[in-house]
Amino acid sequence: MKHMYEGKTKTVYSLDDGNYLLKFKDDMTGEDGVFDPGSNSVGLSIEGAGKGGLSLSKFFFEKLETLGIPTHYISADIDKAEMVVRPAVTFGKGLEVICRLKAVGSFFRRYGDYVKEGAPLDYFVEITLKDDERGDPPISKDALNMLGLLSESEYETLKSLTKKIAEVVKNELKNKELDLYDIKFEFGKSTDGKILLIDEISGGNMRAFKDDKPVGPLELVSIMLD
């Protein structure tokens, strides 16, 4: 296999059969040693975080597969912290799609004059550009279309998939008496032009709470997969 890309939380390799291998790291996004799924930088490293993130991703990807929701997932080897995925092309240099069920994080920081912290949101979807230098700026449907990143129909497909997947995750967490506050997804296009969920679905890209207290990524794994 060939080394392709060194990401914040994963290393990407290309395989001889045309698929890709993602090697999960123990690094997590945050600031000054505090985990934050919305951060643009690696803030801490926790032993077992890579395998934990992969275990939860495997759980959710296989759940989505049974529901007919398209993803890039093929297989996972938890012991090696590796996941094999189908090839997919990102939109531009990459988009992050956030689905918000509670007014927390950057949403509350921006709109705090108009909403109370923790207020319920109805599967609010927003898209940001993956651009660390510019702080992952939010981008509108019109701008995505004008810049040639997403057509109007692709935007609606992506938005619909985001809400559907977030609802699946929310319900699975609810089964374990957990509340989903927000979750971040990434999407790409398959070789035949189909929009797929890519990257991962783990505690590293969502805010989960139990009894109004935050649940850390590794704690989330132990609760969900117990």
C-alpha atoms as a PDB file:
ATOM      1  CA  MET A   1       0.000   0.000   0.000  1.00  0.00           C
ATOM      2  CA  LYS A   2       1.037   3.597  -0.618  1.00  0.00           C
ATOM      3  CA  HIS A   3       1.015   6.468   1.875  1.00  0.00           C
ATOM      4  CA  MET A   4      -1.317   9.191   0.579  1.00  0.00           C
ATOM      5  CA  TYR A   5      -2.149  11.673   3.306  1.00  0.00           C
ATOM      6  CA  GLU A   6      -1.393  12.473   6.944  1.00  0.00           C
ATOM      7  CA  GLY A   7      -4.515  13.845   8.641  1.00  0.00           C
ATOM      8  CA  LYS A   8      -5.076  15.108  12.172  1.00  0.00           C
ATOM      9  CA  THR A   9      -6.668  11.901  13.429  1.00  0.00           C
ATOM     10  CA  LYS A  10      -6.034   9.398  10.600  1.00  0.00           C
ATOM     11  CA  THR A  11      -3.386   8.338   8.088  1.00  0.00           C
ATOM     12  CA  VAL A  12      -4.631   7.466   4.590  1.00  0.00           C
ATOM     13  CA  TYR A  13      -3.117   4.776   2.347  1.00  0.00           C
ATOM     14  CA  SER A  14      -4.105   3.629  -1.142  1.00  0.00           C
ATOM     15  CA  LEU A  15      -4.426  -0.116  -1.735  1.00  0.00           C
ATOM     16  CA  ASP A  16      -3.582  -2.099  -4.853  1.00  0.00           C
ATOM     17  CA  ASP A  17      -7.272  -2.935  -5.472  1.00  0.00           C
ATOM     18  CA  GLY A  18      -8.242   0.748  -5.758  1.00  0.00           C
ATOM     19  CA  ASN A  19      -9.711   1.045  -2.274  1.00  0.00           C
ATOM     20  CA  TYR A  20      -8.190   3.002   0.622  1.00  0.00           C
ATOM     21  CA  LEU A  21      -7.076   2.157   4.145  1.00  0.00           C
ATOM     22  CA  LEU A  22      -7.586   4.576   7.019  1.00  0.00           C
ATOM     23  CA  LYS A  23      -5.279   4.127  10.014  1.00  0.00           C
ATOM     24  CA  PHE A  24      -6.883   5.682  13.106  1.00  0.00           C
ATOM     25  CA  LYS A  25      -4.621   7.612  15.492  1.00  0.00           C
ATOM     26  CA  ASP A  26      -4.981   8.286  19.206  1.00  0.00           C
ATOM     27  CA  ASP A  27      -4.840  12.044  18.495  1.00  0.00           C
ATOM     28  CA  MET A  28      -8.003  14.070  19.074  1.00  0.00           C
ATOM     29  CA  THR A  29      -9.099  17.596  18.185  1.00  0.00           C
ATOM     30  CA  GLY A  30      -9.256  20.204  20.926  1.00  0.00           C
ATOM     31  CA  GLU A  31      -7.442  23.052  22.618  1.00  0.00           C
ATOM     32  CA  ASP A  32      -4.937  22.947  25.494  1.00  0.00           C
ATOM     33  CA  GLY A  33      -5.614  19.305  26.281  1.00  0.00           C
ATOM     34  CA  VAL A  34      -9.407  19.651  26.289  1.00  0.00           C
ATOM     35  CA  PHE A  35     -11.414  17.675  23.695  1.00  0.00           C
ATOM     36  CA  ASP A  36     -13.538  19.716  21.287  1.00  0.00           C
ATOM     37  CA  PRO A  37     -15.102  18.101  18.179  1.00  0.00           C
ATOM     38  CA  GLY A  38     -15.327  21.524  16.528  1.00  0.00           C
ATOM     39  CA  SER A  39     -11.651  22.383  16.891  1.00  0.00           C
ATOM     40  CA  ASN A  40      -9.343  22.783  13.877  1.00  0.00           C
ATOM     41  CA  SER A  41      -6.260  21.428  15.623  1.00  0.00           C
ATOM     42  CA  VAL A  42      -5.066  18.393  17.546  1.00  0.00           C
ATOM     43  CA  GLY A  43      -5.283  19.214  21.230  1.00  0.00           C
ATOM     44  CA  LEU A  44      -4.619  15.927  22.969  1.00  0.00           C
ATOM     45  CA  SER A  45      -3.781  12.264  22.547  1.00  0.00           C
ATOM     46  CA  ILE A  46      -5.485   9.505  24.528  1.00  0.00           C
ATOM     47  CA  GLU A  47      -4.333   5.886  24.403  1.00  0.00           C
ATOM     48  CA  GLY A  48      -7.040   3.751  22.826  1.00  0.00           C
ATOM     49  CA  ALA A  49      -8.839   6.664  21.184  1.00  0.00           C
ATOM     50  CA  GLY A  50      -8.084   5.378  17.678  1.00  0.00           C
ATOM     51  CA  LYS A  51      -9.432   1.890  18.284  1.00  0.00           C
ATOM     52  CA  GLY A  52     -12.386   3.344  20.170  1.00  0.00           C
ATOM     53  CA  GLY A  53     -13.268   5.714  17.343  1.00  0.00           C
ATOM     54  CA  LEU A  54     -12.992   2.891  14.820  1.00  0.00           C
ATOM     55  CA  SER A  55     -15.154   0.542  16.936  1.00  0.00           C
ATOM     56  CA  LEU A  56     -17.961   3.089  17.112  1.00  0.00           C
ATOM     57  CA  SER A  57     -17.586   3.969  13.422  1.00  0.00           C
ATOM     58  CA  LYS A  58     -17.871   0.272  12.522  1.00  0.00           C
ATOM     59  CA  PHE A  59     -21.032   0.014  14.639  1.00  0.00           C
ATOM     60  CA  PHE A  60     -22.715   2.991  12.982  1.00  0.00           C
ATOM     61  CA  PHE A  61     -21.550   2.293   9.420  1.00  0.00           C
ATOM     62  CA  GLU A  62     -22.869  -1.262   9.602  1.00  0.00           C
ATOM     63  CA  LYS A  63     -26.142   0.045  11.033  1.00  0.00           C
ATOM     64  CA  LEU A  64     -26.461   2.512   8.129  1.00  0.00           C
ATOM     65  CA  GLU A  65     -25.718  -0.268   5.654  1.00  0.00           C
ATOM     66  CA  THR A  66     -28.751  -2.229   6.908  1.00  0.00           C
ATOM     67  CA  LEU A  67     -30.855   0.898   6.322  1.00  0.00           C
ATOM     68  CA  GLY A  68     -29.617   1.356   2.752  1.00  0.00           C
ATOM     69  CA  ILE A  69     -27.804   4.627   3.489  1.00  0.00           C
ATOM     70  CA  PRO A  70     -24.717   4.926   1.236  1.00  0.00           C
ATOM     71  CA  THR A  71     -21.275   5.117   2.904  1.00  0.00           C
ATOM     72  CA  HIS A  72     -17.685   4.442   1.906  1.00  0.00           C
ATOM     73  CA  TYR A  73     -17.271   1.694   4.541  1.00  0.00           C
ATOM     74  CA  ILE A  74     -16.112  -1.788   3.506  1.00  0.00           C
ATOM     75  CA  SER A  75     -14.523  -3.422   6.571  1.00  0.00           C
ATOM     76  CA  ALA A  76     -12.628  -2.746   9.795  1.00  0.00           C
ATOM     77  CA  ASP A  77      -9.847  -4.398  11.791  1.00  0.00           C
ATOM     78  CA  ILE A  78     -10.194  -3.069  15.334  1.00  0.00           C
ATOM     79  CA  ASP A  79      -6.944  -4.594  16.635  1.00  0.00           C
ATOM     80  CA  LYS A  80      -4.966  -2.802  13.930  1.00  0.00           C
ATOM     81  CA  ALA A  81      -7.122   0.366  14.155  1.00  0.00           C
ATOM     82  CA  GLU A  82      -7.654   0.162  10.392  1.00  0.00           C
ATOM     83  CA  MET A  83     -10.693   0.656   8.163  1.00  0.00           C
ATOM     84  CA  VAL A  84     -10.923  -0.190   4.456  1.00  0.00           C
ATOM     85  CA  VAL A  85     -13.111   2.186   2.441  1.00  0.00           C
ATOM     86  CA  ARG A  86     -14.274   2.790  -1.116  1.00  0.00           C
ATOM     87  CA  PRO A  87     -12.684   5.637  -3.073  1.00  0.00           C
ATOM     88  CA  ALA A  88     -14.561   8.922  -2.919  1.00  0.00           C
ATOM     89  CA  VAL A  89     -13.825  12.429  -4.183  1.00  0.00           C
ATOM     90  CA  THR A  90     -14.435  15.319  -1.784  1.00  0.00           C
ATOM     91  CA  PHE A  91     -16.349  18.463  -2.682  1.00  0.00           C
ATOM     92  CA  GLY A  92     -13.616  21.000  -3.314  1.00  0.00           C
ATOM     93  CA  LYS A  93     -10.963  20.590  -0.629  1.00  0.00           C
ATOM     94  CA  GLY A  94     -13.601  19.104   1.672  1.00  0.00           C
ATOM     95  CA  LEU A  95     -16.784  20.148   3.442  1.00  0.00           C
ATOM     96  CA  GLU A  96     -17.881  19.548   7.012  1.00  0.00           C
ATOM     97  CA  VAL A  97     -21.608  19.138   7.526  1.00  0.00           C
ATOM     98  CA  ILE A  98     -22.889  19.745  11.049  1.00  0.00           C
ATOM     99  CA  CYS A  99     -26.312  18.683  12.270  1.00  0.00           C
ATOM    100  CA  ARG A 100     -27.371  20.484  15.442  1.00  0.00           C
ATOM    101  CA  LEU A 101     -30.028  19.346  17.891  1.00  0.00           C
ATOM    102  CA  LYS A 102     -29.046  21.719  20.709  1.00  0.00           C
ATOM    103  CA  ALA A 103     -27.761  25.305  20.721  1.00  0.00           C
ATOM    104  CA  VAL A 104     -24.210  24.724  21.952  1.00  0.00           C
ATOM    105  CA  GLY A 105     -20.641  25.242  20.770  1.00  0.00           C
ATOM    106  CA  SER A 106     -20.003  27.657  17.919  1.00  0.00           C
ATOM    107  CA  PHE A 107     -23.743  27.945  17.187  1.00  0.00           C
ATOM    108  CA  PHE A 108     -24.372  29.438  20.611  1.00  0.00           C
ATOM    109  CA  ARG A 109     -21.265  31.625  20.399  1.00  0.00           C
ATOM    110  CA  ARG A 110     -22.570  33.146  17.167  1.00  0.00           C
ATOM    111  CA  TYR A 111     -26.266  33.405  17.956  1.00  0.00           C
ATOM    112  CA  GLY A 112     -26.320  33.728  21.728  1.00  0.00           C
ATOM    113  CA  ASP A 113     -28.277  36.985  21.569  1.00  0.00           C
ATOM    114  CA  TYR A 114     -31.230  35.097  20.124  1.00  0.00           C
ATOM    115  CA  VAL A 115     -31.171  31.687  21.760  1.00  0.00           C
ATOM    116  CA  LYS A 116     -30.522  30.189  25.192  1.00  0.00           C
ATOM    117  CA  GLU A 117     -27.623  27.798  25.556  1.00  0.00           C
ATOM    118  CA  GLY A 118     -28.819  24.217  25.189  1.00  0.00           C
ATOM    119  CA  ALA A 119     -32.130  25.191  23.569  1.00  0.00           C
ATOM    120  CA  PRO A 120     -33.508  22.493  21.230  1.00  0.00           C
ATOM    121  CA  LEU A 121     -32.871  22.795  17.503  1.00  0.00           C
ATOM    122  CA  ASP A 122     -34.767  20.888  14.828  1.00  0.00           C
ATOM    123  CA  TYR A 123     -31.965  19.026  13.025  1.00  0.00           C
ATOM    124  CA  PHE A 124     -30.395  22.313  11.917  1.00  0.00           C
ATOM    125  CA  VAL A 125     -27.871  21.627   9.141  1.00  0.00           C
ATOM    126  CA  GLU A 126     -24.961  23.918   8.352  1.00  0.00           C
ATOM    127  CA  ILE A 127     -21.957  23.455   6.105  1.00  0.00           C
ATOM    128  CA  THR A 128     -18.428  24.749   6.596  1.00  0.00           C
ATOM    129  CA  LEU A 129     -15.394  24.651   4.334  1.00  0.00           C
ATOM    130  CA  LYS A 130     -12.476  22.535   5.525  1.00  0.00           C
ATOM    131  CA  ASP A 131      -9.998  25.389   5.734  1.00  0.00           C
ATOM    132  CA  ASP A 132      -7.898  25.581   8.899  1.00  0.00           C
ATOM    133  CA  GLU A 133      -6.306  28.915   7.958  1.00  0.00           C
ATOM    134  CA  ARG A 134      -9.705  30.591   7.671  1.00  0.00           C
ATOM    135  CA  GLY A 135     -11.240  28.821  10.663  1.00  0.00           C
ATOM    136  CA  ASP A 136     -13.550  26.518   8.665  1.00  0.00           C
ATOM    137  CA  PRO A 137     -15.909  29.308   7.526  1.00  0.00           C
ATOM    138  CA  PRO A 138     -19.644  28.531   7.213  1.00  0.00           C
ATOM    139  CA  ILE A 139     -20.932  28.625   3.631  1.00  0.00           C
ATOM    140  CA  SER A 140     -24.461  28.984   2.281  1.00  0.00           C
ATOM    141  CA  LYS A 141     -26.312  26.920  -0.312  1.00  0.00           C
ATOM    142  CA  ASP A 142     -26.074  29.763  -2.855  1.00  0.00           C
ATOM    143  CA  ALA A 143     -22.323  30.198  -2.327  1.00  0.00           C
ATOM    144  CA  LEU A 144     -21.718  26.443  -2.651  1.00  0.00           C
ATOM    145  CA  ASN A 145     -23.568  26.500  -5.959  1.00  0.00           C
ATOM    146  CA  MET A 146     -21.879  29.671  -7.284  1.00  0.00           C
ATOM    147  CA  LEU A 147     -18.414  28.380  -6.416  1.00  0.00           C
ATOM    148  CA  GLY A 148     -19.112  25.067  -8.152  1.00  0.00           C
ATOM    149  CA  LEU A 149     -18.788  22.968  -5.002  1.00  0.00           C
ATOM    150  CA  LEU A 150     -22.360  21.624  -4.813  1.00  0.00           C
ATOM    151  CA  SER A 151     -25.255  21.829  -7.225  1.00  0.00           C
ATOM    152  CA  GLU A 152     -28.666  22.675  -5.755  1.00  0.00           C
ATOM    153  CA  SER A 153     -29.816  19.068  -6.082  1.00  0.00           C
ATOM    154  CA  GLU A 154     -26.583  17.757  -4.505  1.00  0.00           C
ATOM    155  CA  TYR A 155     -27.066  20.194  -1.635  1.00  0.00           C
ATOM    156  CA  GLU A 156     -30.584  18.873  -0.991  1.00  0.00           C
ATOM    157  CA  THR A 157     -29.357  15.268  -1.159  1.00  0.00           C
ATOM    158  CA  LEU A 158     -26.538  16.014   1.269  1.00  0.00           C
ATOM    159  CA  LYS A 159     -28.881  17.849   3.645  1.00  0.00           C
ATOM    160  CA  SER A 160     -31.419  15.018   3.569  1.00  0.00           C
ATOM    161  CA  LEU A 161     -28.735  12.376   4.214  1.00  0.00           C
ATOM    162  CA  THR A 162     -27.328  14.443   7.073  1.00  0.00           C
ATOM    163  CA  LYS A 163     -30.689  14.631   8.852  1.00  0.00           C
ATOM    164  CA  LYS A 164     -31.362  10.930   8.244  1.00  0.00           C
ATOM    165  CA  ILE A 165     -27.981   9.811   9.599  1.00  0.00           C
ATOM    166  CA  ALA A 166     -28.153  12.186  12.575  1.00  0.00           C
ATOM    167  CA  GLU A 167     -31.551  10.733  13.466  1.00  0.00           C
ATOM    168  CA  VAL A 168     -30.129   7.202  13.364  1.00  0.00           C
ATOM    169  CA  VAL A 169     -27.253   8.229  15.653  1.00  0.00           C
ATOM    170  CA  LYS A 170     -29.603  10.111  17.979  1.00  0.00           C
ATOM    171  CA  ASN A 171     -31.902   7.089  18.342  1.00  0.00           C
ATOM    172  CA  GLU A 172     -29.015   4.707  18.988  1.00  0.00           C
ATOM    173  CA  LEU A 173     -27.699   7.028  21.703  1.00  0.00           C
ATOM    174  CA  LYS A 174     -31.191   7.389  23.153  1.00  0.00           C
ATOM    175  CA  ASN A 175     -31.311   3.602  23.543  1.00  0.00           C
ATOM    176  CA  LYS A 176     -28.399   4.020  25.972  1.00  0.00           C
ATOM    177  CA  GLU A 177     -30.019   7.014  27.739  1.00  0.00           C
ATOM    178  CA  LEU A 178     -27.695   9.479  26.020  1.00  0.00           C
ATOM    179  CA  ASP A 179     -28.561  12.757  24.298  1.00  0.00           C
ATOM    180  CA  LEU A 180     -27.009  13.875  21.023  1.00  0.00           C
ATOM    181  CA  TYR A 181     -26.359  17.636  20.929  1.00  0.00           C
ATOM    182  CA  ASP A 182     -24.605  17.911  17.585  1.00  0.00           C
ATOM    183  CA  ILE A 183     -22.628  15.811  15.125  1.00  0.00           C
ATOM    184  CA  LYS A 184     -20.229  16.528  12.270  1.00  0.00           C
ATOM    185  CA  PHE A 185     -20.155  14.527   9.032  1.00  0.00           C
ATOM    186  CA  GLU A 186     -18.114  14.479   5.840  1.00  0.00           C
ATOM    187  CA  PHE A 187     -19.376  13.422   2.434  1.00  0.00           C
ATOM    188  CA  GLY A 188     -17.841  12.601  -0.919  1.00  0.00           C
ATOM    189  CA  LYS A 189     -18.748  11.297  -4.358  1.00  0.00           C
ATOM    190  CA  SER A 190     -18.198   7.693  -5.384  1.00  0.00           C
ATOM    191  CA  THR A 191     -16.656   6.767  -8.723  1.00  0.00           C
ATOM    192  CA  ASP A 192     -20.183   6.508 -10.184  1.00  0.00           C
ATOM    193  CA  GLY A 193     -21.227   9.943  -8.859  1.00  0.00           C
ATOM    194  CA  LYS A 194     -23.184   8.817  -5.810  1.00  0.00           C
ATOM    195  CA  ILE A 195     -23.000  10.945  -2.642  1.00  0.00           C
ATOM    196  CA  LEU A 196     -21.541   8.867   0.221  1.00  0.00           C
ATOM    197  CA  LEU A 197     -20.935   9.419   3.905  1.00  0.00           C
ATOM    198  CA  ILE A 198     -17.157   9.236   4.413  1.00  0.00           C
ATOM    199  CA  ASP A 199     -14.598   9.585   7.225  1.00  0.00           C
ATOM    200  CA  GLU A 200     -15.970   8.317  10.560  1.00  0.00           C
ATOM    201  CA  ILE A 201     -18.901   8.396  12.999  1.00  0.00           C
ATOM    202  CA  SER A 202     -17.409   8.430  16.479  1.00  0.00           C
ATOM    203  CA  GLY A 203     -17.230  10.312  19.732  1.00  0.00           C
ATOM    204  CA  GLY A 204     -14.558  12.467  18.111  1.00  0.00           C
ATOM    205  CA  ASN A 205     -17.090  14.204  15.874  1.00  0.00           C
ATOM    206  CA  MET A 206     -20.137  14.532  18.106  1.00  0.00           C
ATOM    207  CA  ARG A 207     -21.253  16.018  21.410  1.00  0.00           C
ATOM    208  CA  ALA A 208     -23.075  13.466  23.545  1.00  0.00           C
ATOM    209  CA  PHE A 209     -24.514  14.090  27.014  1.00  0.00           C
ATOM    210  CA  LYS A 210     -25.913  11.997  29.831  1.00  0.00           C
ATOM    211  CA  ASP A 211     -27.999  13.750  32.502  1.00  0.00           C
ATOM    212  CA  ASP A 212     -26.802  17.116  31.110  1.00  0.00           C
ATOM    213  CA  LYS A 213     -23.155  16.137  31.573  1.00  0.00           C
ATOM    214  CA  PRO A 214     -20.785  15.687  28.589  1.00  0.00           C
ATOM    215  CA  VAL A 215     -19.728  12.150  27.725  1.00  0.00           C
ATOM    216  CA  GLY A 216     -16.142  11.848  26.493  1.00  0.00           C
ATOM    217  CA  PRO A 217     -15.259   9.903  23.322  1.00  0.00           C
ATOM    218  CA  LEU A 218     -13.877   6.833  25.106  1.00  0.00           C
ATOM    219  CA  GLU A 219     -16.689   6.779  27.646  1.00  0.00           C
ATOM    220  CA  LEU A 220     -19.129   6.943  24.742  1.00  0.00           C
ATOM    221  CA  VAL A 221     -17.581   3.833  23.205  1.00  0.00           C
ATOM    222  CA  SER A 222     -17.869   1.857  26.427  1.00  0.00           C
ATOM    223  CA  ILE A 223     -21.514   2.888  26.913  1.00  0.00           C
ATOM    224  CA  MET A 224     -22.585   2.284  23.307  1.00  0.00           C
ATOM    225  CA  LEU A 225     -20.787  -1.029  22.795  1.00  0.00           C
ATOM    226  CA  ASP A 226     -21.302  -2.516  26.252  1.00  0.00           C
END
